[in-house]
Amino acid sequence: MSQLYFSFSRLFYWFLAAFLVLSLAGCLPPRPQPRPPADVLAAKALKKQNEKLKL
């Protein structure tokens, strides 16, 4: 009987530890979105400026 109790208590602690890790992982802020390189942003800004000048 004590063998069975020991396995259940050990299993309970594993589930408790897994729950704590998953709940703490949910509290962390998400990773920032990657931004395109500066030359791509400059090209888009230039294209947008040219479109405004055409109108």
Protein backbone atom coordinates (compact mmCIF):
# COMPACT_ATOMS: atom_id res chain seq x y z
CA MET A 1 0.00 0.00 0.00
CA SER A 2 2.80 2.43 0.80
CA GLN A 3 4.36 1.65 -2.59
CA LEU A 4 1.12 2.71 -4.28
CA TYR A 5 0.89 5.88 -2.17
CA PHE A 6 4.49 6.75 -3.01
CA SER A 7 3.88 6.44 -6.76
CA PHE A 8 0.74 8.60 -6.59
CA SER A 9 2.44 11.28 -4.52
CA ARG A 10 5.40 11.29 -6.89
CA LEU A 11 3.05 11.54 -9.87
CA PHE A 12 1.20 14.39 -8.16
CA TYR A 13 4.44 16.34 -7.69
CA TRP A 14 5.37 15.85 -11.34
CA PHE A 15 1.98 17.16 -12.45
CA LEU A 16 2.29 20.06 -10.04
CA ALA A 17 5.75 20.94 -11.35
CA ALA A 18 4.57 20.71 -14.98
CA PHE A 19 1.58 22.94 -14.20
CA LEU A 20 3.81 25.54 -12.54
CA VAL A 21 6.21 25.60 -15.48
CA LEU A 22 3.39 25.96 -18.01
CA SER A 23 1.64 28.67 -16.01
CA LEU A 24 4.89 30.63 -15.64
CA ALA A 25 5.57 30.29 -19.37
CA GLY A 26 2.17 31.89 -20.02
CA CYS A 27 3.17 34.93 -17.96
CA LEU A 28 6.23 35.73 -20.05
CA PRO A 29 5.81 38.42 -22.73
CA PRO A 30 5.69 37.20 -26.32
CA ARG A 31 8.73 37.41 -28.54
CA PRO A 32 8.92 40.67 -30.55
CA GLN A 33 8.05 40.45 -34.23
CA PRO A 34 11.05 40.58 -36.55
CA ARG A 35 11.41 43.82 -38.52
CA PRO A 36 12.59 44.04 -42.12
CA PRO A 37 16.04 45.51 -42.81
CA ALA A 38 16.45 49.28 -42.98
CA ASP A 39 17.06 49.32 -46.75
CA VAL A 40 13.74 47.54 -47.37
CA LEU A 41 11.94 50.05 -45.15
CA ALA A 42 13.61 52.93 -46.98
CA ALA A 43 12.59 51.50 -50.36
CA LYS A 44 8.98 51.17 -49.21
CA ALA A 45 8.97 54.74 -47.90
CA LEU A 46 10.39 56.00 -51.20
CA LYS A 47 7.78 54.06 -53.17
CA LYS A 48 5.01 55.48 -50.97
CA GLN A 49 6.38 59.01 -51.44
CA ASN A 50 6.45 58.56 -55.23
CA GLU A 51 2.84 57.37 -55.21
CA LYS A 52 1.82 60.47 -53.25
CA LEU A 53 3.61 62.73 -55.75
CA LYS A 54 1.81 61.10 -58.70
CA LEU A 55 -1.59 61.95 -57.21
